[in-house]
Amino acid sequence: RVDLYTLNLFTCISPGQIVARLHPPQAGKDSITVTGRVIEAQP
């Protein structure tokens, strides 16, 4: 049975609980020109 009066719209947080995680930006993949000059990737 499901209680339609209890929606659980959000999580009740406790001290020390992980709320979110920040993932850092990644480095790009460099390339080279046909003459051998390095083309740096945008991070």
PDB file of all heavy atoms in Angstrom:
ATOM      1  N   ARG A   1       0.832  -1.194   0.000  1.00  0.00           N
ATOM      2  CA  ARG A   1       0.000   0.000   0.000  1.00  0.00           C
ATOM      3  C   ARG A   1       0.872   1.253   0.000  1.00  0.00           C
ATOM      4  O   ARG A   1       1.944   1.261   0.591  1.00  0.00           O
ATOM      5  CB  ARG A   1      -0.934   0.009   1.214  1.00  0.00           C
ATOM      6  CG  ARG A   1      -1.956  -1.135   1.211  1.00  0.00           C
ATOM      7  CD  ARG A   1      -2.762  -1.159   2.486  1.00  0.00           C
ATOM      8  NE  ARG A   1      -1.904  -1.337   3.654  1.00  0.00           N
ATOM      9  CZ  ARG A   1      -2.374  -1.500   4.895  1.00  0.00           C
ATOM     10  NH1 ARG A   1      -3.664  -1.485   5.118  1.00  0.00           N
ATOM     11  NH2 ARG A   1      -1.536  -1.671   5.907  1.00  0.00           N
ATOM     12  N   VAL A   2       0.378   2.291  -0.648  1.00  0.00           N
ATOM     13  CA  VAL A   2       1.111   3.551  -0.748  1.00  0.00           C
ATOM     14  C   VAL A   2       0.330   4.642  -0.028  1.00  0.00           C
ATOM     15  O   VAL A   2      -0.874   4.797  -0.226  1.00  0.00           O
ATOM     16  CB  VAL A   2       1.330   3.946  -2.228  1.00  0.00           C
ATOM     17  CG1 VAL A   2       1.968   5.329  -2.326  1.00  0.00           C
ATOM     18  CG2 VAL A   2       2.197   2.918  -2.923  1.00  0.00           C
ATOM     19  N   ASP A   3       1.032   5.393   0.826  1.00  0.00           N
ATOM     20  CA  ASP A   3       0.419   6.517   1.528  1.00  0.00           C
ATOM     21  C   ASP A   3       0.551   7.762   0.656  1.00  0.00           C
ATOM     22  O   ASP A   3       1.634   8.340   0.546  1.00  0.00           O
ATOM     23  CB  ASP A   3       1.114   6.731   2.872  1.00  0.00           C
ATOM     24  CG  ASP A   3       0.498   7.881   3.664  1.00  0.00           C
ATOM     25  OD1 ASP A   3      -0.538   8.426   3.225  1.00  0.00           O
ATOM     26  OD2 ASP A   3       1.065   8.236   4.719  1.00  0.00           O
ATOM     27  N   LEU A   4      -0.555   8.191   0.030  1.00  0.00           N
ATOM     28  CA  LEU A   4      -0.519   9.347  -0.864  1.00  0.00           C
ATOM     29  C   LEU A   4      -0.403  10.661  -0.104  1.00  0.00           C
ATOM     30  O   LEU A   4      -0.218  11.710  -0.722  1.00  0.00           O
ATOM     31  CB  LEU A   4      -1.775   9.359  -1.740  1.00  0.00           C
ATOM     32  CG  LEU A   4      -1.940   8.156  -2.679  1.00  0.00           C
ATOM     33  CD1 LEU A   4      -3.221   8.280  -3.476  1.00  0.00           C
ATOM     34  CD2 LEU A   4      -0.745   8.028  -3.611  1.00  0.00           C
ATOM     35  N   TYR A   5      -0.518  10.622   1.212  1.00  0.00           N
ATOM     36  CA  TYR A   5      -0.357  11.829   2.010  1.00  0.00           C
ATOM     37  C   TYR A   5       1.115  12.101   2.344  1.00  0.00           C
ATOM     38  O   TYR A   5       1.443  13.166   2.827  1.00  0.00           O
ATOM     39  CB  TYR A   5      -1.157  11.722   3.317  1.00  0.00           C
ATOM     40  CG  TYR A   5      -2.642  11.925   3.145  1.00  0.00           C
ATOM     41  CD1 TYR A   5      -3.449  10.924   2.648  1.00  0.00           C
ATOM     42  CD2 TYR A   5      -3.237  13.135   3.484  1.00  0.00           C
ATOM     43  CE1 TYR A   5      -4.815  11.100   2.485  1.00  0.00           C
ATOM     44  CE2 TYR A   5      -4.596  13.333   3.332  1.00  0.00           C
ATOM     45  CZ  TYR A   5      -5.381  12.316   2.830  1.00  0.00           C
ATOM     46  OH  TYR A   5      -6.742  12.510   2.676  1.00  0.00           O
ATOM     47  N   THR A   6       1.971  11.118   2.093  1.00  0.00           N
ATOM     48  CA  THR A   6       3.395  11.284   2.375  1.00  0.00           C
ATOM     49  C   THR A   6       4.145  11.280   1.052  1.00  0.00           C
ATOM     50  O   THR A   6       4.287  10.242   0.414  1.00  0.00           O
ATOM     51  CB  THR A   6       3.907  10.150   3.288  1.00  0.00           C
ATOM     52  OG1 THR A   6       3.143  10.154   4.502  1.00  0.00           O
ATOM     53  CG2 THR A   6       5.381  10.352   3.615  1.00  0.00           C
ATOM     54  N   LEU A   7       4.626  12.452   0.635  1.00  0.00           N
ATOM     55  CA  LEU A   7       5.219  12.612  -0.687  1.00  0.00           C
ATOM     56  C   LEU A   7       6.737  12.476  -0.694  1.00  0.00           C
ATOM     57  O   LEU A   7       7.322  12.211  -1.739  1.00  0.00           O
ATOM     58  CB  LEU A   7       4.837  13.988  -1.261  1.00  0.00           C
ATOM     59  CG  LEU A   7       3.338  14.304  -1.325  1.00  0.00           C
ATOM     60  CD1 LEU A   7       3.125  15.659  -1.974  1.00  0.00           C
ATOM     61  CD2 LEU A   7       2.585  13.225  -2.073  1.00  0.00           C
ATOM     62  N   ASN A   8       7.390  12.710   0.447  1.00  0.00           N
ATOM     63  CA  ASN A   8       8.860  12.647   0.504  1.00  0.00           C
ATOM     64  C   ASN A   8       9.489  13.517  -0.582  1.00  0.00           C
ATOM     65  O   ASN A   8      10.303  13.074  -1.386  1.00  0.00           O
ATOM     66  CB  ASN A   8       9.354  11.202   0.365  1.00  0.00           C
ATOM     67  CG  ASN A   8       8.917  10.323   1.511  1.00  0.00           C
ATOM     68  OD1 ASN A   8       9.123  10.657   2.668  1.00  0.00           O
ATOM     69  ND2 ASN A   8       8.284   9.206   1.203  1.00  0.00           N
ATOM     70  N   LEU A   9       9.102  14.781  -0.609  1.00  0.00           N
ATOM     71  CA  LEU A   9       9.573  15.679  -1.657  1.00  0.00           C
ATOM     72  C   LEU A   9      11.060  15.981  -1.553  1.00  0.00           C
ATOM     73  O   LEU A   9      11.696  16.295  -2.555  1.00  0.00           O
ATOM     74  CB  LEU A   9       8.783  16.988  -1.604  1.00  0.00           C
ATOM     75  CG  LEU A   9       7.296  16.904  -1.970  1.00  0.00           C
ATOM     76  CD1 LEU A   9       6.626  18.253  -1.775  1.00  0.00           C
ATOM     77  CD2 LEU A   9       7.123  16.421  -3.394  1.00  0.00           C
ATOM     78  N   PHE A  10      11.608  15.911  -0.367  1.00  0.00           N
ATOM     79  CA  PHE A  10      13.031  16.225  -0.193  1.00  0.00           C
ATOM     80  C   PHE A  10      13.619  15.321   0.874  1.00  0.00           C
ATOM     81  O   PHE A  10      12.904  14.675   1.653  1.00  0.00           O
ATOM     82  CB  PHE A  10      13.234  17.701   0.181  1.00  0.00           C
ATOM     83  CG  PHE A  10      12.536  18.102   1.453  1.00  0.00           C
ATOM     84  CD1 PHE A  10      13.141  17.943   2.687  1.00  0.00           C
ATOM     85  CD2 PHE A  10      11.266  18.646   1.419  1.00  0.00           C
ATOM     86  CE1 PHE A  10      12.500  18.303   3.855  1.00  0.00           C
ATOM     87  CE2 PHE A  10      10.613  19.021   2.576  1.00  0.00           C
ATOM     88  CZ  PHE A  10      11.230  18.850   3.796  1.00  0.00           C
ATOM     89  N   THR A  11      14.942  15.283   0.888  1.00  0.00           N
ATOM     90  CA  THR A  11      15.663  14.476   1.858  1.00  0.00           C
ATOM     91  C   THR A  11      15.937  15.298   3.117  1.00  0.00           C
ATOM     92  O   THR A  11      16.402  16.434   3.032  1.00  0.00           O
ATOM     93  CB  THR A  11      17.007  13.994   1.275  1.00  0.00           C
ATOM     94  OG1 THR A  11      16.754  13.262   0.076  1.00  0.00           O
ATOM     95  CG2 THR A  11      17.741  13.101   2.262  1.00  0.00           C
ATOM     96  N   CYS A  12      15.637  14.722   4.270  1.00  0.00           N
ATOM     97  CA  CYS A  12      15.994  15.367   5.531  1.00  0.00           C
ATOM     98  C   CYS A  12      17.477  15.104   5.797  1.00  0.00           C
ATOM     99  O   CYS A  12      17.906  13.949   5.885  1.00  0.00           O
ATOM    100  CB  CYS A  12      15.139  14.829   6.663  1.00  0.00           C
ATOM    101  SG  CYS A  12      13.397  15.323   6.566  1.00  0.00           S
ATOM    102  N   ILE A  13      18.237  16.176   5.910  1.00  0.00           N
ATOM    103  CA  ILE A  13      19.690  16.091   5.992  1.00  0.00           C
ATOM    104  C   ILE A  13      20.146  15.957   7.445  1.00  0.00           C
ATOM    105  O   ILE A  13      19.599  16.616   8.341  1.00  0.00           O
ATOM    106  CB  ILE A  13      20.333  17.334   5.351  1.00  0.00           C
ATOM    107  CG1 ILE A  13      19.798  17.560   3.943  1.00  0.00           C
ATOM    108  CG2 ILE A  13      21.842  17.201   5.324  1.00  0.00           C
ATOM    109  CD1 ILE A  13      20.086  16.448   2.981  1.00  0.00           C
ATOM    110  N   SER A  14      21.153  15.124   7.662  1.00  0.00           N
ATOM    111  CA  SER A  14      21.777  14.976   8.975  1.00  0.00           C
ATOM    112  C   SER A  14      23.185  15.567   8.939  1.00  0.00           C
ATOM    113  O   SER A  14      23.808  15.635   7.871  1.00  0.00           O
ATOM    114  CB  SER A  14      21.859  13.495   9.370  1.00  0.00           C
ATOM    115  OG  SER A  14      20.572  12.900   9.389  1.00  0.00           O
ATOM    116  N   PRO A  15      23.708  16.000  10.078  1.00  0.00           N
ATOM    117  CA  PRO A  15      25.085  16.510  10.098  1.00  0.00           C
ATOM    118  C   PRO A  15      26.081  15.455   9.614  1.00  0.00           C
ATOM    119  O   PRO A  15      25.984  14.281   9.966  1.00  0.00           O
ATOM    120  CB  PRO A  15      25.314  16.850  11.580  1.00  0.00           C
ATOM    121  CG  PRO A  15      23.947  17.081  12.128  1.00  0.00           C
ATOM    122  CD  PRO A  15      23.042  16.141  11.388  1.00  0.00           C
ATOM    123  N   GLY A  16      27.028  15.874   8.765  1.00  0.00           N
ATOM    124  CA  GLY A  16      28.023  14.972   8.220  1.00  0.00           C
ATOM    125  C   GLY A  16      27.596  14.261   6.948  1.00  0.00           C
ATOM    126  O   GLY A  16      28.389  13.526   6.363  1.00  0.00           O
ATOM    127  N   GLN A  17      26.361  14.480   6.493  1.00  0.00           N
ATOM    128  CA  GLN A  17      25.868  13.814   5.288  1.00  0.00           C
ATOM    129  C   GLN A  17      26.378  14.521   4.032  1.00  0.00           C
ATOM    130  O   GLN A  17      26.501  15.742   3.992  1.00  0.00           O
ATOM    131  CB  GLN A  17      24.333  13.805   5.291  1.00  0.00           C
ATOM    132  CG  GLN A  17      23.718  13.051   4.133  1.00  0.00           C
ATOM    133  CD  GLN A  17      22.216  12.902   4.285  1.00  0.00           C
ATOM    134  OE1 GLN A  17      21.662  13.132   5.358  1.00  0.00           O
ATOM    135  NE2 GLN A  17      21.538  12.510   3.216  1.00  0.00           N
ATOM    136  N   ILE A  18      26.669  13.732   2.992  1.00  0.00           N
ATOM    137  CA  ILE A  18      27.103  14.289   1.711  1.00  0.00           C
ATOM    138  C   ILE A  18      25.877  14.845   0.988  1.00  0.00           C
ATOM    139  O   ILE A  18      24.944  14.108   0.677  1.00  0.00           O
ATOM    140  CB  ILE A  18      27.799  13.232   0.845  1.00  0.00           C
ATOM    141  CG1 ILE A  18      29.040  12.687   1.558  1.00  0.00           C
ATOM    142  CG2 ILE A  18      28.201  13.823  -0.500  1.00  0.00           C
ATOM    143  CD1 ILE A  18      29.720  11.550   0.803  1.00  0.00           C
ATOM    144  N   VAL A  19      25.883  16.130   0.709  1.00  0.00           N
ATOM    145  CA  VAL A  19      24.768  16.791   0.036  1.00  0.00           C
ATOM    146  C   VAL A  19      24.983  16.800  -1.472  1.00  0.00           C
ATOM    147  O   VAL A  19      24.053  16.595  -2.253  1.00  0.00           O
ATOM    148  CB  VAL A  19      24.596  18.224   0.574  1.00  0.00           C
ATOM    149  CG1 VAL A  19      23.484  18.952  -0.165  1.00  0.00           C
ATOM    150  CG2 VAL A  19      24.311  18.193   2.077  1.00  0.00           C
ATOM    151  N   ALA A  20      26.203  17.071  -1.897  1.00  0.00           N
ATOM    152  CA  ALA A  20      26.506  17.162  -3.328  1.00  0.00           C
ATOM    153  C   ALA A  20      27.985  16.897  -3.532  1.00  0.00           C
ATOM    154  O   ALA A  20      28.783  16.882  -2.584  1.00  0.00           O
ATOM    155  CB  ALA A  20      26.131  18.531  -3.877  1.00  0.00           C
ATOM    156  N   ARG A  21      28.337  16.687  -4.783  1.00  0.00           N
ATOM    157  CA  ARG A  21      29.738  16.460  -5.138  1.00  0.00           C
ATOM    158  C   ARG A  21      30.083  17.340  -6.339  1.00  0.00           C
ATOM    159  O   ARG A  21      29.330  17.394  -7.315  1.00  0.00           O
ATOM    160  CB  ARG A  21      29.983  14.982  -5.464  1.00  0.00           C
ATOM    161  CG  ARG A  21      31.428  14.658  -5.791  1.00  0.00           C
ATOM    162  CD  ARG A  21      31.644  13.168  -6.000  1.00  0.00           C
ATOM    163  NE  ARG A  21      31.605  12.437  -4.736  1.00  0.00           N
ATOM    164  CZ  ARG A  21      30.646  11.579  -4.400  1.00  0.00           C
ATOM    165  NH1 ARG A  21      29.652  11.349  -5.229  1.00  0.00           N
ATOM    166  NH2 ARG A  21      30.683  10.952  -3.248  1.00  0.00           N
ATOM    167  N   LEU A  22      31.216  18.031  -6.255  1.00  0.00           N
ATOM    168  CA  LEU A  22      31.675  18.895  -7.342  1.00  0.00           C
ATOM    169  C   LEU A  22      32.724  18.147  -8.159  1.00  0.00           C
ATOM    170  O   LEU A  22      33.770  17.756  -7.635  1.00  0.00           O
ATOM    171  CB  LEU A  22      32.266  20.191  -6.785  1.00  0.00           C
ATOM    172  CG  LEU A  22      31.323  21.090  -5.984  1.00  0.00           C
ATOM    173  CD1 LEU A  22      32.053  22.348  -5.544  1.00  0.00           C
ATOM    174  CD2 LEU A  22      30.101  21.451  -6.800  1.00  0.00           C
ATOM    175  N   HIS A  23      32.435  17.945  -9.423  1.00  0.00           N
ATOM    176  CA  HIS A  23      33.375  17.276 -10.302  1.00  0.00           C
ATOM    177  C   HIS A  23      34.217  18.350 -11.019  1.00  0.00           C
ATOM    178  O   HIS A  23      33.657  19.248 -11.662  1.00  0.00           O
ATOM    179  CB  HIS A  23      32.630  16.421 -11.323  1.00  0.00           C
ATOM    180  CG  HIS A  23      31.906  15.268 -10.698  1.00  0.00           C
ATOM    181  ND1 HIS A  23      32.482  14.033 -10.519  1.00  0.00           N
ATOM    182  CD2 HIS A  23      30.648  15.175 -10.187  1.00  0.00           C
ATOM    183  CE1 HIS A  23      31.620  13.216  -9.949  1.00  0.00           C
ATOM    184  NE2 HIS A  23      30.496  13.883  -9.736  1.00  0.00           N
ATOM    185  N   PRO A  24      35.536  18.266 -10.917  1.00  0.00           N
ATOM    186  CA  PRO A  24      36.390  19.306 -11.515  1.00  0.00           C
ATOM    187  C   PRO A  24      36.382  19.220 -13.036  1.00  0.00           C
ATOM    188  O   PRO A  24      36.077  18.168 -13.610  1.00  0.00           O
ATOM    189  CB  PRO A  24      37.776  18.985 -10.945  1.00  0.00           C
ATOM    190  CG  PRO A  24      37.738  17.519 -10.670  1.00  0.00           C
ATOM    191  CD  PRO A  24      36.324  17.219 -10.242  1.00  0.00           C
ATOM    192  N   PRO A  25      36.741  20.311 -13.711  1.00  0.00           N
ATOM    193  CA  PRO A  25      36.840  20.272 -15.175  1.00  0.00           C
ATOM    194  C   PRO A  25      38.001  19.380 -15.615  1.00  0.00           C
ATOM    195  O   PRO A  25      38.988  19.210 -14.889  1.00  0.00           O
ATOM    196  CB  PRO A  25      37.085  21.734 -15.554  1.00  0.00           C
ATOM    197  CG  PRO A  25      37.688  22.347 -14.330  1.00  0.00           C
ATOM    198  CD  PRO A  25      37.056  21.642 -13.160  1.00  0.00           C
ATOM    199  N   GLN A  26      37.874  18.836 -16.816  1.00  0.00           N
ATOM    200  CA  GLN A  26      38.892  17.927 -17.325  1.00  0.00           C
ATOM    201  C   GLN A  26      39.802  18.645 -18.342  1.00  0.00           C
ATOM    202  O   GLN A  26      39.373  19.578 -19.025  1.00  0.00           O
ATOM    203  CB  GLN A  26      38.233  16.722 -17.996  1.00  0.00           C
ATOM    204  CG  GLN A  26      37.296  15.949 -17.088  1.00  0.00           C
ATOM    205  CD  GLN A  26      38.001  15.356 -15.883  1.00  0.00           C
ATOM    206  OE1 GLN A  26      39.063  14.737 -16.023  1.00  0.00           O
ATOM    207  NE2 GLN A  26      37.437  15.558 -14.705  1.00  0.00           N
ATOM    208  N   ALA A  27      41.036  18.191 -18.383  1.00  0.00           N
ATOM    209  CA  ALA A  27      41.959  18.735 -19.377  1.00  0.00           C
ATOM    210  C   ALA A  27      41.582  18.194 -20.761  1.00  0.00           C
ATOM    211  O   ALA A  27      41.084  17.079 -20.895  1.00  0.00           O
ATOM    212  CB  ALA A  27      43.393  18.341 -19.036  1.00  0.00           C
ATOM    213  N   GLY A  28      41.800  19.012 -21.765  1.00  0.00           N
ATOM    214  CA  GLY A  28      41.488  18.593 -23.130  1.00  0.00           C
ATOM    215  C   GLY A  28      42.586  17.738 -23.730  1.00  0.00           C
ATOM    216  O   GLY A  28      43.613  17.434 -23.106  1.00  0.00           O
ATOM    217  N   LYS A  29      42.390  17.336 -24.968  1.00  0.00           N
ATOM    218  CA  LYS A  29      43.346  16.512 -25.696  1.00  0.00           C
ATOM    219  C   LYS A  29      44.033  17.371 -26.755  1.00  0.00           C
ATOM    220  O   LYS A  29      43.394  17.858 -27.685  1.00  0.00           O
ATOM    221  CB  LYS A  29      42.631  15.335 -26.345  1.00  0.00           C
ATOM    222  CG  LYS A  29      43.562  14.392 -27.089  1.00  0.00           C
ATOM    223  CD  LYS A  29      42.784  13.243 -27.707  1.00  0.00           C
ATOM    224  CE  LYS A  29      43.699  12.303 -28.473  1.00  0.00           C
ATOM    225  NZ  LYS A  29      42.936  11.198 -29.105  1.00  0.00           N
ATOM    226  N   ASP A  30      45.346  17.598 -26.561  1.00  0.00           N
ATOM    227  CA  ASP A  30      46.102  18.410 -27.510  1.00  0.00           C
ATOM    228  C   ASP A  30      46.214  17.713 -28.863  1.00  0.00           C
ATOM    229  O   ASP A  30      46.033  16.497 -28.989  1.00  0.00           O
ATOM    230  CB  ASP A  30      47.494  18.708 -26.961  1.00  0.00           C
ATOM    231  CG  ASP A  30      47.453  19.582 -25.720  1.00  0.00           C
ATOM    232  OD1 ASP A  30      46.420  20.261 -25.518  1.00  0.00           O
ATOM    233  OD2 ASP A  30      48.436  19.573 -24.959  1.00  0.00           O
ATOM    234  N   SER A  31      46.559  18.500 -29.843  1.00  0.00           N
ATOM    235  CA  SER A  31      46.803  17.970 -31.179  1.00  0.00           C
ATOM    236  C   SER A  31      48.030  18.671 -31.756  1.00  0.00           C
ATOM    237  O   SER A  31      48.658  19.511 -31.088  1.00  0.00           O
ATOM    238  CB  SER A  31      45.571  18.175 -32.067  1.00  0.00           C
ATOM    239  OG  SER A  31      45.802  17.641 -33.360  1.00  0.00           O
ATOM    240  N   ILE A  32      48.385  18.337 -32.991  1.00  0.00           N
ATOM    241  CA  ILE A  32      49.514  18.985 -33.669  1.00  0.00           C
ATOM    242  C   ILE A  32      49.102  19.301 -35.106  1.00  0.00           C
ATOM    243  O   ILE A  32      48.199  18.676 -35.678  1.00  0.00           O
ATOM    244  CB  ILE A  32      50.775  18.096 -33.674  1.00  0.00           C
ATOM    245  CG1 ILE A  32      50.484  16.760 -34.392  1.00  0.00           C
ATOM    246  CG2 ILE A  32      51.286  17.857 -32.258  1.00  0.00           C
ATOM    247  CD1 ILE A  32      51.699  15.895 -34.581  1.00  0.00           C
ATOM    248  N   THR A  33      49.761  20.294 -35.647  1.00  0.00           N
ATOM    249  CA  THR A  33      49.549  20.597 -37.053  1.00  0.00           C
ATOM    250  C   THR A  33      50.345  19.612 -37.907  1.00  0.00           C
ATOM    251  O   THR A  33      51.141  18.807 -37.386  1.00  0.00           O
ATOM    252  CB  THR A  33      50.010  22.033 -37.363  1.00  0.00           C
ATOM    253  OG1 THR A  33      51.427  22.117 -37.192  1.00  0.00           O
ATOM    254  CG2 THR A  33      49.325  23.039 -36.452  1.00  0.00           C
ATOM    255  N   VAL A  34      50.165  19.675 -39.209  1.00  0.00           N
ATOM    256  CA  VAL A  34      50.900  18.768 -40.104  1.00  0.00           C
ATOM    257  C   VAL A  34      52.387  19.079 -40.127  1.00  0.00           C
ATOM    258  O   VAL A  34      53.200  18.261 -40.566  1.00  0.00           O
ATOM    259  CB  VAL A  34      50.325  18.844 -41.528  1.00  0.00           C
ATOM    260  CG1 VAL A  34      48.910  18.284 -41.564  1.00  0.00           C
ATOM    261  CG2 VAL A  34      50.376  20.267 -42.060  1.00  0.00           C
ATOM    262  N   THR A  35      52.731  20.255 -39.604  1.00  0.00           N
ATOM    263  CA  THR A  35      54.162  20.600 -39.541  1.00  0.00           C
ATOM    264  C   THR A  35      54.746  20.322 -38.164  1.00  0.00           C
ATOM    265  O   THR A  35      55.902  20.657 -37.900  1.00  0.00           O
ATOM    266  CB  THR A  35      54.360  22.086 -39.890  1.00  0.00           C
ATOM    267  OG1 THR A  35      53.617  22.900 -38.967  1.00  0.00           O
ATOM    268  CG2 THR A  35      53.883  22.369 -41.309  1.00  0.00           C
ATOM    269  N   GLY A  36      53.931  19.767 -37.252  1.00  0.00           N
ATOM    270  CA  GLY A  36      54.454  19.396 -35.952  1.00  0.00           C
ATOM    271  C   GLY A  36      54.241  20.415 -34.857  1.00  0.00           C
ATOM    272  O   GLY A  36      54.697  20.208 -33.730  1.00  0.00           O
ATOM    273  N   ARG A  37      53.563  21.532 -35.142  1.00  0.00           N
ATOM    274  CA  ARG A  37      53.309  22.538 -34.091  1.00  0.00           C
ATOM    275  C   ARG A  37      52.163  22.070 -33.201  1.00  0.00           C
ATOM    276  O   ARG A  37      51.137  21.586 -33.681  1.00  0.00           O
ATOM    277  CB  ARG A  37      52.982  23.883 -34.731  1.00  0.00           C
ATOM    278  CG  ARG A  37      52.739  25.006 -33.705  1.00  0.00           C
ATOM    279  CD  ARG A  37      52.592  26.350 -34.408  1.00  0.00           C
ATOM    280  NE  ARG A  37      51.469  26.329 -35.347  1.00  0.00           N
ATOM    281  CZ  ARG A  37      50.196  26.567 -34.994  1.00  0.00           C
ATOM    282  NH1 ARG A  37      49.898  26.810 -33.711  1.00  0.00           N
ATOM    283  NH2 ARG A  37      49.249  26.560 -35.910  1.00  0.00           N
ATOM    284  N   VAL A  38      52.352  22.198 -31.883  1.00  0.00           N
ATOM    285  CA  VAL A  38      51.351  21.732 -30.914  1.00  0.00           C
ATOM    286  C   VAL A  38      50.144  22.663 -30.903  1.00  0.00           C
ATOM    287  O   VAL A  38      50.287  23.892 -30.826  1.00  0.00           O
ATOM    288  CB  VAL A  38      51.960  21.638 -29.499  1.00  0.00           C
ATOM    289  CG1 VAL A  38      50.894  21.261 -28.477  1.00  0.00           C
ATOM    290  CG2 VAL A  38      53.103  20.629 -29.485  1.00  0.00           C
ATOM    291  N   ILE A  39      48.973  22.080 -30.980  1.00  0.00           N
ATOM    292  CA  ILE A  39      47.717  22.829 -30.825  1.00  0.00           C
ATOM    293  C   ILE A  39      47.161  22.496 -29.443  1.00  0.00           C
ATOM    294  O   ILE A  39      46.725  21.380 -29.191  1.00  0.00           O
ATOM    295  CB  ILE A  39      46.693  22.458 -31.910  1.00  0.00           C
ATOM    296  CG1 ILE A  39      47.266  22.680 -33.310  1.00  0.00           C
ATOM    297  CG2 ILE A  39      45.412  23.261 -31.724  1.00  0.00           C
ATOM    298  CD1 ILE A  39      46.352  22.198 -34.409  1.00  0.00           C
ATOM    299  N   GLU A  40      47.249  23.458 -28.531  1.00  0.00           N
ATOM    300  CA  GLU A  40      46.795  23.208 -27.162  1.00  0.00           C
ATOM    301  C   GLU A  40      45.274  23.177 -27.086  1.00  0.00           C
ATOM    302  O   GLU A  40      44.579  24.000 -27.687  1.00  0.00           O
ATOM    303  CB  GLU A  40      47.343  24.276 -26.219  1.00  0.00           C
ATOM    304  CG  GLU A  40      48.860  24.254 -26.081  1.00  0.00           C
ATOM    305  CD  GLU A  40      49.348  25.258 -25.068  1.00  0.00           C
ATOM    306  OE1 GLU A  40      48.502  26.017 -24.534  1.00  0.00           O
ATOM    307  OE2 GLU A  40      50.556  25.291 -24.795  1.00  0.00           O
ATOM    308  N   ALA A  41      44.759  22.218 -26.333  1.00  0.00           N
ATOM    309  CA  ALA A  41      43.306  22.084 -26.153  1.00  0.00           C
ATOM    310  C   ALA A  41      42.812  23.050 -25.087  1.00  0.00           C
ATOM    311  O   ALA A  41      43.530  23.370 -24.132  1.00  0.00           O
ATOM    312  CB  ALA A  41      42.954  20.654 -25.769  1.00  0.00           C
ATOM    313  N   GLN A  42      41.587  23.500 -25.241  1.00  0.00           N
ATOM    314  CA  GLN A  42      40.965  24.383 -24.254  1.00  0.00           C
ATOM    315  C   GLN A  42      40.489  23.549 -23.073  1.00  0.00           C
ATOM    316  O   GLN A  42      39.731  22.594 -23.246  1.00  0.00           O
ATOM    317  CB  GLN A  42      39.785  25.122 -24.892  1.00  0.00           C
ATOM    318  CG  GLN A  42      39.142  26.176 -24.017  1.00  0.00           C
ATOM    319  CD  GLN A  42      40.021  27.408 -23.850  1.00  0.00           C
ATOM    320  OE1 GLN A  42      40.902  27.673 -24.664  1.00  0.00           O
ATOM    321  NE2 GLN A  42      39.780  28.146 -22.777  1.00  0.00           N
ATOM    322  N   PRO A  43      40.904  23.875 -21.833  1.00  0.00           N
ATOM    323  CA  PRO A  43      40.436  23.097 -20.678  1.00  0.00           C
ATOM    324  C   PRO A  43      38.967  23.384 -20.388  1.00  0.00           C
ATOM    325  O   PRO A  43      38.406  24.395 -20.815  1.00  0.00           O
ATOM    326  CB  PRO A  43      41.332  23.592 -19.539  1.00  0.00           C
ATOM    327  CG  PRO A  43      41.733  24.974 -19.953  1.00  0.00           C
ATOM    328  CD  PRO A  43      41.837  24.946 -21.454  1.00  0.00           C
TER     329      PRO A  43
END
